[in-house]
Protein backbone atom coordinates (compact mmCIF):
# COMPACT_ATOMS: atom_id res chain seq x y z
CA MET A 1 44.73 -23.21 19.37
CA ARG A 2 48.48 -23.81 19.72
CA SER A 3 48.90 -21.32 16.88
CA LYS A 4 48.21 -18.68 19.56
CA VAL A 5 51.51 -19.76 21.15
CA THR A 6 53.63 -19.95 18.01
CA GLY A 7 52.38 -16.54 16.89
CA ALA A 8 52.78 -14.81 20.26
CA GLN A 9 55.23 -11.93 20.06
CA ARG A 10 55.41 -10.87 23.72
CA TRP A 11 56.01 -13.52 26.36
CA VAL A 12 56.15 -13.33 30.13
CA VAL A 13 58.04 -16.38 31.43
CA LYS A 14 57.73 -17.23 35.12
CA ILE A 15 60.04 -19.80 36.71
CA GLY A 16 59.24 -21.22 40.16
CA SER A 17 61.42 -21.61 43.23
CA ALA A 18 61.53 -25.42 43.20
CA LEU A 19 62.91 -25.38 39.66
CA LEU A 20 65.43 -22.61 40.24
CA THR A 21 66.85 -24.09 43.42
CA ALA A 22 66.73 -27.82 42.53
CA ASP A 23 64.11 -28.33 45.25
CA GLY A 24 66.02 -26.28 47.82
CA LYS A 25 69.63 -27.34 47.15
CA GLY A 26 70.70 -23.87 46.01
CA LEU A 27 70.53 -22.07 42.68
CA ASP A 28 70.64 -24.59 39.83
CA ARG A 29 72.91 -22.68 37.48
CA ALA A 30 73.03 -25.51 34.95
CA ALA A 31 69.23 -25.47 34.59
CA MET A 32 69.21 -21.68 34.46
CA SER A 33 71.75 -21.80 31.63
CA VAL A 34 69.50 -24.13 29.61
CA TRP A 35 66.48 -21.86 30.05
CA VAL A 36 68.56 -18.80 29.17
CA GLU A 37 69.77 -20.42 25.96
CA GLN A 38 66.16 -21.02 24.94
CA MET A 39 65.06 -17.51 25.94
CA VAL A 40 67.88 -16.03 23.87
CA ALA A 41 66.67 -18.12 20.91
CA LEU A 42 63.19 -16.69 21.41
CA HIS A 43 64.70 -13.20 21.53
CA GLU A 44 66.58 -13.81 18.30
CA ALA A 45 63.32 -14.97 16.71
CA GLY A 46 61.77 -11.59 17.49
CA VAL A 47 59.89 -12.47 20.66
CA GLU A 48 59.76 -9.68 23.26
CA LEU A 49 60.54 -11.30 26.58
CA VAL A 50 59.99 -10.50 30.26
CA LEU A 51 61.24 -12.93 32.92
CA VAL A 52 59.53 -13.25 36.31
CA SER A 53 61.90 -15.13 38.57
CA SER A 54 61.09 -16.69 41.90
CA GLY A 55 63.93 -18.06 43.98
CA ALA A 56 65.23 -15.19 46.12
CA VAL A 57 63.78 -16.51 49.38
CA ALA A 58 64.59 -20.12 48.49
CA ALA A 59 68.17 -19.23 47.55
CA GLY A 60 68.57 -17.29 50.80
CA MET A 61 67.17 -20.24 52.76
CA SER A 62 69.73 -22.51 51.11
CA ARG A 63 72.59 -20.17 52.00
CA LEU A 64 71.35 -20.00 55.59
CA GLY A 65 70.82 -23.74 55.85
CA TRP A 66 67.05 -23.45 56.45
CA THR A 67 64.87 -26.32 55.25
CA ALA A 68 61.42 -24.77 55.83
CA ARG A 69 60.13 -21.44 54.55
CA PRO A 70 60.03 -18.97 57.46
CA SER A 71 56.72 -17.57 58.62
CA ALA A 72 58.13 -14.58 60.53
CA MET A 73 58.19 -11.53 58.26
CA HIS A 74 61.65 -10.36 59.32
CA GLU A 75 63.13 -13.81 58.59
CA LEU A 76 61.40 -13.91 55.21
CA GLN A 77 62.78 -10.47 54.35
CA ALA A 78 66.28 -11.44 55.50
CA ALA A 79 66.26 -14.60 53.38
CA ALA A 80 65.05 -12.60 50.37
CA ALA A 81 67.76 -9.98 50.81
CA ILE A 82 70.47 -12.64 50.99
CA GLY A 83 69.14 -14.71 48.12
CA GLN A 84 68.36 -11.83 45.77
CA MET A 85 72.05 -11.00 45.35
CA GLY A 86 72.94 -14.43 44.05
CA LEU A 87 69.77 -14.80 42.01
CA VAL A 88 70.29 -11.62 39.99
CA GLN A 89 74.00 -12.27 39.53
CA ALA A 90 73.23 -15.75 38.21
CA TRP A 91 70.71 -14.47 35.65
CA GLU A 92 72.93 -11.57 34.59
CA SER A 93 76.03 -13.70 34.05
CA SER A 94 74.11 -16.39 32.19
CA PHE A 95 72.47 -13.92 29.78
CA ALA A 96 75.77 -12.05 29.36
CA GLU A 97 77.34 -15.22 27.96
CA HIS A 98 74.98 -14.76 25.01
CA GLY A 99 75.56 -11.01 24.70
CA ARG A 100 72.20 -10.08 26.25
CA HIS A 101 71.65 -7.29 28.77
CA THR A 102 69.29 -7.76 31.72
CA ALA A 103 67.62 -5.35 34.13
CA GLN A 104 66.43 -6.05 37.67
CA ILE A 105 62.95 -4.83 38.66
CA LEU A 106 61.49 -5.43 42.13
CA LEU A 107 57.76 -4.83 42.53
CA THR A 108 55.16 -4.77 45.29
CA HIS A 109 51.39 -4.79 44.99
CA ASP A 110 51.36 -1.04 45.69
CA ASP A 111 53.42 -0.46 42.55
CA LEU A 112 50.66 -1.91 40.36
CA SER A 113 47.61 -0.76 42.31
CA ASP A 114 48.66 2.91 42.33
CA ARG A 115 47.86 4.25 38.86
CA LYS A 116 50.81 6.63 38.69
CA ARG A 117 53.30 3.94 39.66
CA TYR A 118 51.52 1.51 37.34
CA LEU A 119 52.17 3.80 34.38
CA ASN A 120 55.74 4.44 35.51
CA ALA A 121 56.42 0.69 35.69
CA ARG A 122 54.74 0.19 32.32
CA SER A 123 56.83 2.91 30.70
CA THR A 124 60.06 1.50 32.13
CA LEU A 125 59.28 -2.02 30.96
CA ARG A 126 58.27 -0.80 27.53
CA ALA A 127 61.55 1.12 27.22
CA LEU A 128 63.58 -1.93 28.28
CA VAL A 129 61.79 -4.16 25.78
CA GLU A 130 62.40 -1.65 23.00
CA LEU A 131 66.10 -1.58 23.97
CA LYS A 132 66.22 -5.39 23.58
CA VAL A 133 66.97 -5.74 27.29
CA ILE A 134 65.42 -8.66 29.20
CA PRO A 135 63.77 -7.46 32.43
CA VAL A 136 64.11 -9.85 35.38
CA ILE A 137 61.24 -9.21 37.77
CA ASN A 138 60.71 -10.45 41.32
CA GLU A 139 58.51 -9.48 44.23
CA ASN A 140 60.28 -7.05 46.56
CA ASP A 141 60.22 -9.42 49.53
CA THR A 142 62.73 -7.32 51.47
CA VAL A 143 60.16 -4.56 52.07
CA VAL A 144 56.91 -6.47 51.62
CA THR A 145 54.27 -6.63 54.35
CA ASP A 146 51.14 -8.75 54.75
CA GLU A 147 49.04 -5.85 53.48
CA ILE A 148 50.85 -5.38 50.17
CA ARG A 149 52.36 -8.73 49.25
CA PHE A 150 51.23 -10.43 46.05
CA GLY A 151 51.17 -13.76 47.87
CA ASP A 152 53.01 -15.67 45.16
CA ASN A 153 54.99 -14.99 42.01
CA ASP A 154 52.32 -16.62 39.85
CA THR A 155 50.05 -13.68 40.68
CA LEU A 156 52.91 -11.26 40.12
CA ALA A 157 53.59 -12.80 36.70
CA ALA A 158 49.93 -12.45 35.72
CA LEU A 159 49.86 -8.79 36.75
CA VAL A 160 53.07 -8.21 34.78
CA ALA A 161 51.40 -9.85 31.77
CA ASN A 162 48.55 -7.35 32.18
CA LEU A 163 51.05 -4.52 32.61
CA VAL A 164 53.06 -5.20 29.45
CA GLU A 165 50.03 -6.45 27.47
CA ALA A 166 51.67 -9.81 26.83
CA ASP A 167 50.29 -12.29 24.32
CA LEU A 168 51.42 -15.27 26.37
CA LEU A 169 52.20 -16.08 30.01
CA VAL A 170 54.34 -19.19 30.44
CA ILE A 171 54.45 -20.62 33.96
CA LEU A 172 57.29 -23.14 34.31
CA THR A 173 56.61 -25.42 37.24
CA ASP A 174 57.68 -28.78 38.68
CA ARG A 175 54.60 -30.52 37.22
CA ASP A 176 53.85 -31.14 33.56
CA GLY A 177 50.64 -29.10 33.65
CA MET A 178 47.13 -29.38 35.08
CA PHE A 179 45.66 -32.88 35.41
CA ASP A 180 42.07 -34.04 35.81
CA ALA A 181 43.16 -35.73 39.07
CA ASP A 182 46.22 -35.59 41.33
CA PRO A 183 48.89 -37.60 39.45
CA ARG A 184 50.76 -38.16 42.70
CA ASN A 185 47.85 -40.24 43.99
CA ASN A 186 46.11 -41.37 40.80
CA PRO A 187 48.17 -43.12 38.10
CA ASP A 188 45.27 -42.74 35.66
CA ALA A 189 45.28 -38.93 35.88
CA GLN A 190 45.18 -37.31 32.44
CA LEU A 191 46.86 -34.06 31.42
CA ILE A 192 44.43 -31.28 30.48
CA TYR A 193 45.91 -30.00 27.23
CA GLU A 194 43.56 -27.09 26.58
CA ALA A 195 40.75 -25.33 28.44
CA ARG A 196 39.14 -21.96 28.96
CA ALA A 197 40.73 -20.09 31.85
CA ASP A 198 37.30 -19.26 33.26
CA ASP A 199 36.06 -22.88 33.22
CA PRO A 200 34.73 -23.50 36.78
CA ALA A 201 35.44 -27.23 36.45
CA LEU A 202 39.15 -26.46 36.75
CA ASP A 203 38.79 -25.39 40.37
CA ALA A 204 37.95 -28.91 41.44
CA VAL A 205 41.19 -30.34 40.03
CA ALA A 206 43.56 -27.48 40.88
CA GLY A 207 43.88 -28.25 44.60
CA SER A 208 45.25 -25.70 47.02
CA VAL A 209 48.54 -26.91 48.48
CA GLY A 210 51.84 -25.28 47.60
CA GLY A 211 55.35 -26.59 48.08
CA ALA A 212 57.75 -26.12 50.96
CA LEU A 213 59.82 -23.54 49.12
CA GLY A 214 57.20 -21.40 47.41
CA ARG A 215 53.81 -20.00 48.30
CA GLY A 216 51.97 -21.18 45.22
CA GLY A 217 50.26 -24.37 44.13
CA MET A 218 48.24 -25.27 41.05
CA GLN A 219 45.37 -23.18 42.40
CA THR A 220 47.54 -20.03 42.30
CA LYS A 221 48.56 -20.87 38.73
CA LEU A 222 44.92 -21.17 37.72
CA ARG A 223 44.18 -17.86 39.41
CA ALA A 224 47.14 -16.32 37.57
CA ALA A 225 45.78 -17.57 34.25
CA ARG A 226 42.45 -15.93 35.00
CA LEU A 227 44.16 -12.65 35.92
CA ALA A 228 46.22 -12.74 32.72
CA ALA A 229 43.07 -13.43 30.73
CA ARG A 230 41.72 -10.02 31.82
CA SER A 231 44.04 -8.44 29.28
CA GLY A 232 43.54 -11.19 26.71
CA ALA A 233 46.72 -13.16 27.39
CA HIS A 234 46.90 -16.92 26.96
CA THR A 235 48.61 -18.92 29.72
CA ILE A 236 50.56 -22.17 29.51
CA ILE A 237 51.31 -24.13 32.68
CA VAL A 238 54.08 -26.58 31.80
CA GLY A 239 56.89 -28.60 33.33
CA GLY A 240 60.09 -26.59 33.45
CA ARG A 241 62.20 -29.75 33.50
CA LEU A 242 60.87 -30.96 30.15
CA GLU A 243 63.67 -31.05 27.60
CA ARG A 244 63.88 -27.85 25.53
CA VAL A 245 60.49 -26.83 26.88
CA LEU A 246 60.48 -23.24 25.57
CA ASP A 247 61.72 -24.30 22.12
CA ARG A 248 58.95 -26.89 21.94
CA LEU A 249 56.29 -24.38 22.96
CA LYS A 250 57.46 -21.98 20.28
CA ALA A 251 57.28 -24.79 17.73
CA GLY A 252 53.64 -25.40 18.68
CA GLU A 253 54.15 -28.78 20.35
CA ARG A 254 51.21 -29.93 22.44
CA ILE A 255 52.79 -29.93 25.90
CA GLY A 256 51.54 -28.44 29.14
CA THR A 257 48.09 -26.94 29.73
CA LEU A 258 46.99 -24.03 27.56
CA LEU A 259 44.38 -21.82 29.23
CA SER A 260 42.69 -19.36 26.90
CA PRO A 261 40.91 -16.08 27.64
CA GLU A 262 37.25 -15.51 26.94
CA ARG A 263 37.98 -12.40 24.86
CA GLY A 264 40.76 -11.23 22.60
CA MET A 265 43.46 -8.96 23.96
CA LEU A 266 42.05 -5.64 22.73
CA ALA A 267 38.46 -6.36 23.81
CA ALA A 268 39.55 -7.56 27.25
CA ARG A 269 41.74 -4.54 27.94
CA LYS A 270 39.12 -2.08 26.74
CA GLN A 271 36.53 -3.71 28.96
CA TRP A 272 38.87 -3.36 31.92
CA LEU A 273 39.33 0.32 31.15
CA ALA A 274 35.62 0.90 30.74
CA GLY A 275 34.43 -0.89 33.84
CA HIS A 276 36.96 -0.46 36.61
CA LEU A 277 38.16 3.14 36.79
CA GLN A 278 36.42 6.33 37.94
CA THR A 279 36.99 9.52 35.96
CA ARG A 280 38.90 12.39 37.59
CA GLY A 281 38.95 15.13 34.96
CA THR A 282 38.00 16.27 31.47
CA LEU A 283 39.92 17.08 28.31
CA VAL A 284 38.15 19.20 25.69
CA LEU A 285 39.27 18.20 22.18
CA ASP A 286 39.46 20.02 18.87
CA GLU A 287 38.03 18.57 15.64
CA GLY A 288 41.37 17.15 14.52
CA ALA A 289 41.76 15.16 17.72
CA VAL A 290 38.18 13.86 17.50
CA SER A 291 38.85 12.64 13.96
CA ALA A 292 42.16 11.01 14.96
CA LEU A 293 40.56 9.13 17.84
CA SER A 294 37.33 8.17 16.11
CA GLN A 295 38.66 7.19 12.70
CA GLY A 296 42.37 6.63 12.98
CA ASN A 297 42.82 4.60 16.19
CA LYS A 298 45.38 7.19 17.26
CA SER A 299 46.70 8.32 20.62
CA LEU A 300 45.60 11.67 22.02
CA LEU A 301 48.39 14.21 21.60
CA PRO A 302 48.64 17.49 23.54
CA VAL A 303 48.21 19.51 20.35
CA GLY A 304 44.63 18.28 19.99
CA VAL A 305 43.43 19.42 23.42
CA LYS A 306 41.90 22.87 23.94
CA LEU A 307 41.01 22.83 27.64
CA VAL A 308 41.77 20.87 30.81
CA GLN A 309 39.13 20.62 33.54
CA GLY A 310 39.26 19.01 36.97
CA SER A 311 42.13 17.80 39.12
CA PHE A 312 43.81 14.51 38.24
CA ARG A 313 47.15 12.81 38.66
CA ARG A 314 49.23 10.92 36.14
CA GLY A 315 47.61 7.54 35.62
CA GLU A 316 44.07 8.58 36.52
CA MET A 317 41.07 8.29 34.21
CA VAL A 318 39.97 11.36 32.24
CA VAL A 319 37.01 11.95 29.94
CA CYS A 320 37.61 13.31 26.43
CA VAL A 321 34.77 15.53 25.17
CA ALA A 322 33.93 17.71 22.15
CA ASP A 323 30.87 19.93 21.65
CA GLY A 324 29.49 18.73 24.98
CA ARG A 325 29.52 15.02 24.14
CA GLU A 326 31.86 12.34 25.42
CA ILE A 327 34.19 10.91 22.77
CA ALA A 328 36.50 8.70 24.78
CA ARG A 329 38.08 8.10 28.15
CA GLY A 330 41.54 6.92 29.13
CA LEU A 331 44.50 7.06 31.51
CA ALA A 332 46.35 10.38 31.50
CA ASN A 333 50.13 10.35 31.10
CA TYR A 334 50.36 13.75 32.83
CA SER A 335 48.68 15.45 35.78
CA ALA A 336 46.12 18.19 35.26
CA LEU A 337 48.67 20.91 36.10
CA GLU A 338 51.18 19.46 33.65
CA ALA A 339 48.53 18.97 30.97
CA GLN A 340 47.49 22.64 31.22
CA LYS A 341 51.05 23.65 30.32
CA ILE A 342 51.39 21.44 27.23
CA ILE A 343 47.93 21.43 25.58
CA GLY A 344 47.82 22.93 22.13
CA GLN A 345 51.53 22.24 21.69
CA SER A 346 53.39 19.62 19.70
CA SER A 347 54.94 16.70 21.56
CA ASP A 348 58.39 18.02 20.67
CA ALA A 349 57.71 21.00 22.92
CA ILE A 350 56.96 18.96 26.07
CA VAL A 351 60.54 18.85 27.34
CA GLY A 352 60.92 22.60 26.98
CA LEU A 353 57.62 23.27 28.76
CA LEU A 354 57.94 20.76 31.61
CA GLY A 355 61.66 20.05 31.77
CA TYR A 356 61.07 16.36 30.95
CA MET A 357 58.85 14.11 28.85
CA ALA A 358 57.12 11.09 30.40
CA GLU A 359 55.40 10.18 27.12
CA PRO A 360 54.81 12.00 23.81
CA GLU A 361 51.05 11.32 24.14
CA LEU A 362 48.65 12.85 26.63
CA VAL A 363 46.67 9.58 26.52
CA HIS A 364 48.14 6.54 24.73
CA ARG A 365 45.75 4.61 22.46
CA ASP A 366 46.40 1.40 24.45
CA ASN A 367 44.98 3.16 27.52
CA LEU A 368 42.03 4.76 25.74
CA ILE A 369 38.52 3.55 24.93
CA LEU A 370 35.98 5.15 22.61
CA VAL A 371 32.46 5.57 24.01
């Protein structure tokens, strides 16, 4: 099963607050430098990498001299605003020492629940990855409210893994993985090396208590693994203080807890598309488009669409039909009004017709399911 790790080509790495701030003493730049060196090695080996970094609130707390995480929203937002400056500067300077560019992305739950913003975020991240830039993602605590907050960066990391269709989610934490009992109270506790993410027996050993600096605990990491599994990603929960931890994972060493999805990546994502989104419009296809979708596993290009029906926004689900029968359904990269202007035309003509091009495809094959 560890071959799933060594062969993974797109990683989301999440690093927790306790690790990043040396348990609240301030940003641990020496530790960050060690992780960066390993992430650069992964990058050089061809791994596409997205970093989800906690630590903004904890770093702000350290600068302010606070020892307990604030509960008042305005204090939480103030700490995040103060800490975010140093956090991003630390990552940027550390990666720059190795000649790597980084990009800061701040997200809220609304960004990933709104389909248009979901596709916008996905397109941006895909462009950054293709440019060999390492995105550094954090929750936007400075504007977050109780209604939209993720609740913890483990959940955020899992949703990012879904967003970028990662093969592997690595959660670096201050414990060596999941144990069959609490190792702080039971010296005979055994590390769980491998399990299915959906195994209900894991709930009993995950607990529910987080640390003083972060919002998560082992229960949130288990929940994150189950969220990541929706798109077929494997998750490893592992101690971030283990020597050369990322190098050892890449080499296939049996460390940490590997939680595997029930289905493969493609099957899981297609099931999500099929079962969770309502359709908003219809695209009538020509014979060439039907053949490309049915036999060639291709994206749907504007040139293959004859008619647009209904009213839909970018990111909403549309049905693809031909001769009165449904062929496929997927997430539209353009609104109905925009689609009407570009159908029947080559992708090269999109910029001239709309003044910009969000994507060359009307529906990308990764966001399309045959029916």
